[in-house]
Amino acid sequence: MHLPSLTDIEAAAEVVYRVFPPTPQYRWGLLGERLGTPCWVKHENHTPVGAFKIRGGLTYFDQLRQRGETPREVISATRGNHGQSIGWAAREHGVRCTIVVPHGNSVEKNAAMRALGVDLIEHGSDFQEAREHAMQLAAERGAHMVPSFHRDLLRGVSTYWWEFLRAVPALDVVYVPIGQGSGACSAVAAKLALGRQTRIVGVVSAHATTYADSIAAGRVVEAPVTTLLADGMACRVADAEALAVLAPQLDHVVKVTDDEVAQAMRQIFADTHNVAEGAGAAALAAAMQEKESLKGQTVGLSLSGGNVDSEMFAKVLSGASL
């Protein structure tokens, strides 16, 4: 895949900033004490949909508009944040939007999508089954299928890493959660566009290891999804294009358990009073796992989203079993 260039990312930022300003990045003292080294957090939980994905939706639709291809209906599949992104952008462009989610999906993410005017369909037991159903529906209706991974999504998502790496040029290492791959590939794109030497560490759920397994094997390897907490990383089949970008560019990949993610969610709330969803706390969970090797380095963490259901967050904060 031809990654977005610096010119592409700068143009994408202009599109994004029509809707919301750059999100903040803060050096949190308590998190730094906990990690034992300077620690910066990029707050993508502060976007209008509470996650980084909205950046990609805005640029995807802008690219369609520029090509004169704005469709009458779009269809996509999601566990929540991508669907909110597409729903928001579709509303901005006056396009009908249908989103397919698996059964048992986040109640509050579903409600947020419906509030954006999305026609929500529940189908399948996991994201992959929802995605296959969405593709079938798009074919039947002649609608435009918006994928979860695409260069026009990366254009927008790359703006958050571009912001982060420009704001804190001294970052030695950043930790980025991997779901379908747009966040991690965008970190790579921004690093290369800016000519930075920052190491990028990928983070996957230990209960959804397709990207870790695929990178190790050098080909797409399907892996079961059993995570109860990190729905943003609940991917069963890695995207081959994303894999081709990440395999040569990631320093390494860390697997984090639901227990480690829950602990990181509690730590982020205690130290910053920000709410992180499971995938949003995964970067801290990975950094804490590697704490001893990070001393003396400046660490960047992506708080990629804060959309966790109230009931689940209450369980996490209380330490109750999931």
Protein backbone atom coordinates (compact mmCIF):
# COMPACT_ATOMS: atom_id res chain seq x y z
CA MET A 1 0.00 0.00 0.00
CA HIS A 2 1.10 3.54 -0.82
CA LEU A 3 0.91 5.27 2.57
CA PRO A 4 -0.29 8.87 2.89
CA SER A 5 2.51 11.40 2.34
CA LEU A 6 3.17 14.50 4.44
CA THR A 7 1.24 16.55 1.86
CA ASP A 8 -1.68 14.09 2.08
CA ILE A 9 -1.71 14.27 5.89
CA GLU A 10 -1.53 18.07 5.97
CA ALA A 11 -4.46 18.28 3.53
CA ALA A 12 -6.38 15.75 5.63
CA ALA A 13 -5.80 17.87 8.74
CA GLU A 14 -7.60 20.77 7.06
CA VAL A 15 -10.62 18.50 6.50
CA VAL A 16 -10.56 17.24 10.09
CA TYR A 17 -10.16 20.69 11.62
CA ARG A 18 -13.37 21.91 9.98
CA VAL A 19 -15.13 19.64 12.50
CA PHE A 20 -12.91 19.71 15.60
CA PRO A 21 -9.49 21.04 16.68
CA PRO A 22 -6.35 18.97 17.34
CA THR A 23 -6.76 16.74 20.37
CA PRO A 24 -4.47 17.38 23.34
CA GLN A 25 -1.43 15.41 24.41
CA TYR A 26 -0.40 15.72 28.03
CA ARG A 27 2.56 14.57 30.08
CA TRP A 28 0.81 13.13 33.13
CA GLY A 29 2.92 13.22 36.29
CA LEU A 30 1.27 10.30 38.09
CA LEU A 31 1.42 8.07 35.02
CA GLY A 32 5.10 8.96 34.66
CA GLU A 33 5.70 7.98 38.28
CA ARG A 34 3.83 4.72 37.73
CA LEU A 35 5.76 3.88 34.58
CA GLY A 36 9.07 5.14 35.98
CA THR A 37 9.81 7.35 32.98
CA PRO A 38 8.31 10.42 31.22
CA CYS A 39 4.94 9.47 29.74
CA TRP A 40 2.79 11.39 27.26
CA VAL A 41 -0.81 10.49 26.42
CA LYS A 42 -2.51 11.43 23.14
CA HIS A 43 -6.17 12.00 24.01
CA GLU A 44 -8.20 10.68 21.10
CA ASN A 45 -10.98 10.13 23.64
CA HIS A 46 -11.55 13.91 23.24
CA THR A 47 -12.94 13.81 19.67
CA PRO A 48 -16.67 14.37 19.00
CA VAL A 49 -17.26 10.59 18.94
CA GLY A 50 -14.83 9.78 21.75
CA ALA A 51 -12.35 7.94 19.53
CA PHE A 52 -9.78 8.52 16.77
CA LYS A 53 -11.84 6.87 14.02
CA ILE A 54 -13.83 10.01 13.16
CA ARG A 55 -10.74 11.44 11.47
CA GLY A 56 -10.80 8.63 8.92
CA GLY A 57 -14.52 8.89 8.24
CA LEU A 58 -14.23 12.59 7.50
CA THR A 59 -11.40 12.15 5.00
CA TYR A 60 -12.95 9.05 3.40
CA PHE A 61 -16.11 10.98 2.54
CA ASP A 62 -14.12 14.03 1.49
CA GLN A 63 -12.17 11.90 -0.98
CA LEU A 64 -15.42 10.48 -2.37
CA ARG A 65 -16.72 14.04 -2.78
CA GLN A 66 -13.55 15.19 -4.52
CA ARG A 67 -13.86 12.32 -7.00
CA GLY A 68 -17.56 13.10 -7.59
CA GLU A 69 -18.51 9.70 -6.19
CA THR A 70 -20.70 10.61 -3.18
CA PRO A 71 -23.11 7.63 -2.92
CA ARG A 72 -26.78 7.66 -1.89
CA GLU A 73 -26.13 4.99 0.77
CA VAL A 74 -23.10 3.60 2.57
CA ILE A 75 -22.90 0.35 4.51
CA SER A 76 -20.18 -0.77 6.89
CA ALA A 77 -19.50 -3.07 9.83
CA THR A 78 -18.09 -2.20 13.22
CA ARG A 79 -17.74 -2.93 16.91
CA GLY A 80 -18.62 0.73 17.46
CA ASN A 81 -16.05 3.47 16.87
CA HIS A 82 -15.65 3.01 13.11
CA GLY A 83 -19.45 2.97 12.84
CA GLN A 84 -19.74 6.26 14.71
CA SER A 85 -17.09 7.72 12.42
CA ILE A 86 -18.93 6.68 9.26
CA GLY A 87 -22.29 7.69 10.74
CA TRP A 88 -21.00 11.17 11.60
CA ALA A 89 -19.44 11.72 8.18
CA ALA A 90 -22.49 10.32 6.33
CA ARG A 91 -24.73 12.76 8.24
CA GLU A 92 -22.40 15.64 7.30
CA HIS A 93 -22.69 14.69 3.61
CA GLY A 94 -26.43 13.87 3.62
CA VAL A 95 -25.85 10.19 2.84
CA ARG A 96 -27.96 7.32 4.18
CA CYS A 97 -25.90 5.05 6.46
CA THR A 98 -26.43 1.43 7.50
CA ILE A 99 -24.07 -0.16 10.00
CA VAL A 100 -23.89 -3.86 10.90
CA VAL A 101 -22.74 -4.87 14.38
CA PRO A 102 -22.46 -8.34 15.90
CA HIS A 103 -25.00 -9.50 18.49
CA GLY A 104 -23.97 -8.54 22.01
CA ASN A 105 -22.23 -5.37 20.87
CA SER A 106 -21.76 -2.40 23.21
CA VAL A 107 -25.18 -1.03 24.13
CA GLU A 108 -23.91 2.53 24.43
CA LYS A 109 -21.91 2.46 21.19
CA ASN A 110 -25.05 1.18 19.43
CA ALA A 111 -27.08 4.03 20.94
CA ALA A 112 -24.46 6.58 19.88
CA MET A 113 -24.60 5.32 16.28
CA ARG A 114 -28.40 5.47 16.20
CA ALA A 115 -28.23 9.04 17.53
CA LEU A 116 -26.19 9.96 14.45
CA GLY A 117 -29.01 8.70 12.20
CA VAL A 118 -27.48 5.30 11.50
CA ASP A 119 -29.76 2.38 10.57
CA LEU A 120 -28.27 -0.27 12.86
CA ILE A 121 -28.47 -3.99 12.07
CA GLU A 122 -27.33 -6.71 14.48
CA HIS A 123 -25.97 -9.80 12.76
CA GLY A 124 -23.45 -12.54 13.54
CA SER A 125 -21.46 -13.54 16.57
CA ASP A 126 -18.35 -11.43 15.89
CA PHE A 127 -17.01 -8.59 13.77
CA GLN A 128 -16.01 -10.86 10.88
CA GLU A 129 -19.55 -12.25 10.50
CA ALA A 130 -20.99 -8.73 10.74
CA ARG A 131 -18.54 -7.57 8.07
CA GLU A 132 -19.44 -10.39 5.68
CA HIS A 133 -23.14 -9.59 6.12
CA ALA A 134 -22.49 -5.90 5.47
CA MET A 135 -20.70 -6.75 2.23
CA GLN A 136 -23.61 -8.94 1.15
CA LEU A 137 -26.13 -6.17 1.94
CA ALA A 138 -24.08 -3.61 0.02
CA ALA A 139 -24.01 -5.88 -3.03
CA GLU A 140 -27.76 -6.52 -2.84
CA ARG A 141 -28.67 -2.83 -2.44
CA GLY A 142 -26.07 -1.36 -4.75
CA ALA A 143 -24.77 0.63 -1.79
CA HIS A 144 -21.18 1.74 -1.20
CA MET A 145 -19.37 -0.59 1.21
CA VAL A 146 -16.99 1.33 3.47
CA PRO A 147 -14.16 -0.98 4.57
CA SER A 148 -12.52 -0.86 7.99
CA PHE A 149 -9.11 -0.45 6.38
CA HIS A 150 -8.50 1.81 3.38
CA ARG A 151 -5.98 4.44 2.31
CA ASP A 152 -8.61 7.19 2.43
CA LEU A 153 -9.28 6.29 6.08
CA LEU A 154 -5.55 6.32 6.81
CA ARG A 155 -5.27 9.88 5.44
CA GLY A 156 -7.41 11.14 8.29
CA VAL A 157 -6.27 8.82 11.05
CA SER A 158 -2.65 9.72 10.31
CA THR A 159 -3.40 13.28 11.42
CA TYR A 160 -3.52 12.22 15.06
CA TRP A 161 -0.05 10.69 14.95
CA TRP A 162 1.19 13.67 12.93
CA GLU A 163 -0.12 15.94 15.71
CA PHE A 164 1.47 13.79 18.41
CA LEU A 165 4.91 13.43 16.81
CA ARG A 166 5.07 17.15 16.00
CA ALA A 167 3.97 18.18 19.48
CA VAL A 168 6.43 15.84 21.24
CA PRO A 169 9.40 15.30 18.88
CA ALA A 170 11.41 13.65 21.66
CA LEU A 171 9.24 10.53 21.83
CA ASP A 172 11.53 7.49 21.90
CA VAL A 173 8.80 4.87 21.69
CA VAL A 174 5.03 4.86 21.18
CA TYR A 175 2.54 2.11 21.93
CA VAL A 176 -0.46 1.75 19.61
CA PRO A 177 -3.38 -0.71 19.83
CA ILE A 178 -4.14 -2.79 16.74
CA GLY A 179 -7.75 -3.52 15.78
CA GLN A 180 -8.16 -3.69 12.01
CA GLY A 181 -4.89 -1.80 11.61
CA SER A 182 -5.75 1.78 10.65
CA GLY A 183 -4.40 3.30 13.87
CA ALA A 184 -1.11 1.43 13.79
CA CYS A 185 -0.56 1.92 10.05
CA SER A 186 -1.25 5.62 10.50
CA ALA A 187 1.43 5.81 13.17
CA VAL A 188 3.82 4.32 10.62
CA ALA A 189 2.67 6.79 7.94
CA ALA A 190 3.15 9.83 10.19
CA LYS A 191 6.54 8.63 11.42
CA LEU A 192 7.81 8.14 7.87
CA ALA A 193 6.27 11.39 6.62
CA LEU A 194 7.98 13.37 9.38
CA GLY A 195 11.25 11.44 9.21
CA ARG A 196 11.15 10.47 12.89
CA GLN A 197 13.15 7.64 14.49
CA THR A 198 10.49 6.88 17.13
CA ARG A 199 9.99 3.15 17.68
CA ILE A 200 6.42 1.92 17.20
CA VAL A 201 5.21 -0.99 19.34
CA GLY A 202 1.98 -2.71 18.31
CA VAL A 203 -0.43 -3.90 20.99
CA VAL A 204 -2.95 -6.71 20.54
CA SER A 205 -5.31 -8.43 22.91
CA ALA A 206 -3.97 -11.75 24.16
CA HIS A 207 -7.51 -12.96 23.39
CA ALA A 208 -7.46 -11.77 19.74
CA THR A 209 -4.01 -12.47 18.33
CA THR A 210 -4.46 -12.51 14.56
CA TYR A 211 -2.02 -9.61 13.97
CA ALA A 212 0.66 -10.97 16.29
CA ASP A 213 0.29 -14.46 14.81
CA SER A 214 0.23 -13.15 11.23
CA ILE A 215 3.34 -11.00 11.66
CA ALA A 216 5.17 -13.98 13.19
CA ALA A 217 4.07 -16.27 10.35
CA GLY A 218 4.55 -13.80 7.51
CA ARG A 219 1.00 -14.37 6.25
CA VAL A 220 -2.58 -13.84 7.44
CA VAL A 221 -3.39 -16.27 10.26
CA GLU A 222 -6.96 -16.34 11.60
CA ALA A 223 -7.20 -16.45 15.40
CA PRO A 224 -10.21 -16.83 17.72
CA VAL A 225 -11.55 -13.80 19.57
CA THR A 226 -12.41 -14.27 23.24
CA THR A 227 -11.73 -10.83 24.74
CA LEU A 228 -14.56 -9.56 26.95
CA LEU A 229 -13.12 -6.07 27.37
CA ALA A 230 -11.09 -4.91 24.37
CA ASP A 231 -13.81 -4.90 21.71
CA GLY A 232 -11.84 -2.34 19.69
CA MET A 233 -9.14 -5.00 19.16
CA ALA A 234 -11.54 -7.93 18.65
CA CYS A 235 -10.38 -8.81 15.15
CA ARG A 236 -10.40 -12.47 13.99
CA VAL A 237 -8.75 -12.03 10.56
CA ALA A 238 -5.91 -9.57 9.97
CA ASP A 239 -6.12 -7.31 6.93
CA ALA A 240 -3.45 -8.35 4.43
CA GLU A 241 -2.71 -4.75 3.35
CA ALA A 242 -2.34 -3.60 6.94
CA LEU A 243 -0.11 -6.56 7.67
CA ALA A 244 2.19 -5.64 4.77
CA VAL A 245 2.64 -2.16 6.28
CA LEU A 246 3.07 -3.25 9.90
CA ALA A 247 5.31 -6.31 9.60
CA PRO A 248 8.45 -4.42 8.53
CA GLN A 249 7.76 -1.24 10.53
CA LEU A 250 6.74 -2.32 14.03
CA ASP A 251 9.55 -2.68 16.54
CA HIS A 252 7.66 -5.58 18.12
CA VAL A 253 4.16 -6.60 19.24
CA VAL A 254 2.93 -6.96 22.83
CA LYS A 255 -0.04 -9.09 23.87
CA VAL A 256 -2.13 -7.83 26.79
CA THR A 257 -4.73 -9.79 28.73
CA ASP A 258 -8.16 -8.52 29.73
CA ASP A 259 -6.95 -8.42 33.34
CA GLU A 260 -3.99 -6.22 32.34
CA VAL A 261 -6.29 -3.97 30.30
CA ALA A 262 -8.73 -3.63 33.20
CA GLN A 263 -5.84 -2.69 35.49
CA ALA A 264 -4.69 -0.07 32.96
CA MET A 265 -8.23 1.36 32.73
CA ARG A 266 -8.21 1.79 36.52
CA GLN A 267 -4.73 3.34 36.43
CA ILE A 268 -5.67 5.85 33.72
CA PHE A 269 -8.76 6.87 35.66
CA ALA A 270 -6.84 7.22 38.92
CA ASP A 271 -3.92 9.13 37.39
CA THR A 272 -5.70 11.31 34.80
CA HIS A 273 -9.44 11.00 35.52
CA ASN A 274 -10.01 10.10 31.90
CA VAL A 275 -12.18 7.17 30.88
CA ALA A 276 -10.48 4.66 28.57
CA GLU A 277 -12.27 1.82 26.83
CA GLY A 278 -10.44 -1.51 26.69
CA ALA A 279 -8.56 -0.82 23.48
CA GLY A 280 -7.92 2.73 24.70
CA ALA A 281 -6.08 1.43 27.77
CA ALA A 282 -4.17 -1.30 25.93
CA ALA A 283 -1.17 0.93 25.19
CA LEU A 284 -0.62 1.62 28.89
CA ALA A 285 -1.10 -2.07 29.70
CA ALA A 286 1.65 -2.94 27.22
CA ALA A 287 4.00 -0.23 28.50
CA MET A 288 3.51 -1.42 32.09
CA GLN A 289 4.36 -4.95 30.95
CA GLU A 290 7.66 -3.60 29.56
CA LYS A 291 8.24 -1.05 32.31
CA GLU A 292 11.74 -2.25 33.25
CA SER A 293 13.08 -1.79 29.71
CA LEU A 294 11.67 1.74 29.33
CA LYS A 295 13.68 3.57 31.97
CA GLY A 296 15.23 6.80 30.69
CA GLN A 297 13.04 6.85 27.58
CA THR A 298 10.18 9.20 26.71
CA VAL A 299 7.08 7.09 26.12
CA GLY A 300 3.99 7.99 24.10
CA LEU A 301 0.66 6.24 24.65
CA SER A 302 -2.42 6.37 22.48
CA LEU A 303 -5.64 6.69 24.48
CA SER A 304 -7.45 5.75 21.30
CA GLY A 305 -11.00 5.85 22.66
CA GLY A 306 -13.12 6.21 25.77
CA ASN A 307 -16.34 4.50 24.71
CA VAL A 308 -16.90 1.86 27.35
CA ASP A 309 -20.40 0.98 28.59
CA SER A 310 -21.20 2.38 32.04
CA GLU A 311 -21.99 -1.06 33.45
CA MET A 312 -18.72 -2.51 32.21
CA PHE A 313 -16.70 0.45 33.49
CA ALA A 314 -18.31 0.14 36.91
CA LYS A 315 -17.23 -3.52 37.00
CA VAL A 316 -13.70 -2.60 35.97
CA LEU A 317 -13.36 0.16 38.56
CA SER A 318 -14.69 -2.09 41.34
CA GLY A 319 -12.37 -4.93 40.34
CA ALA A 320 -15.34 -7.26 39.83
CA SER A 321 -14.96 -10.20 37.46
CA LEU A 322 -15.99 -9.50 33.87
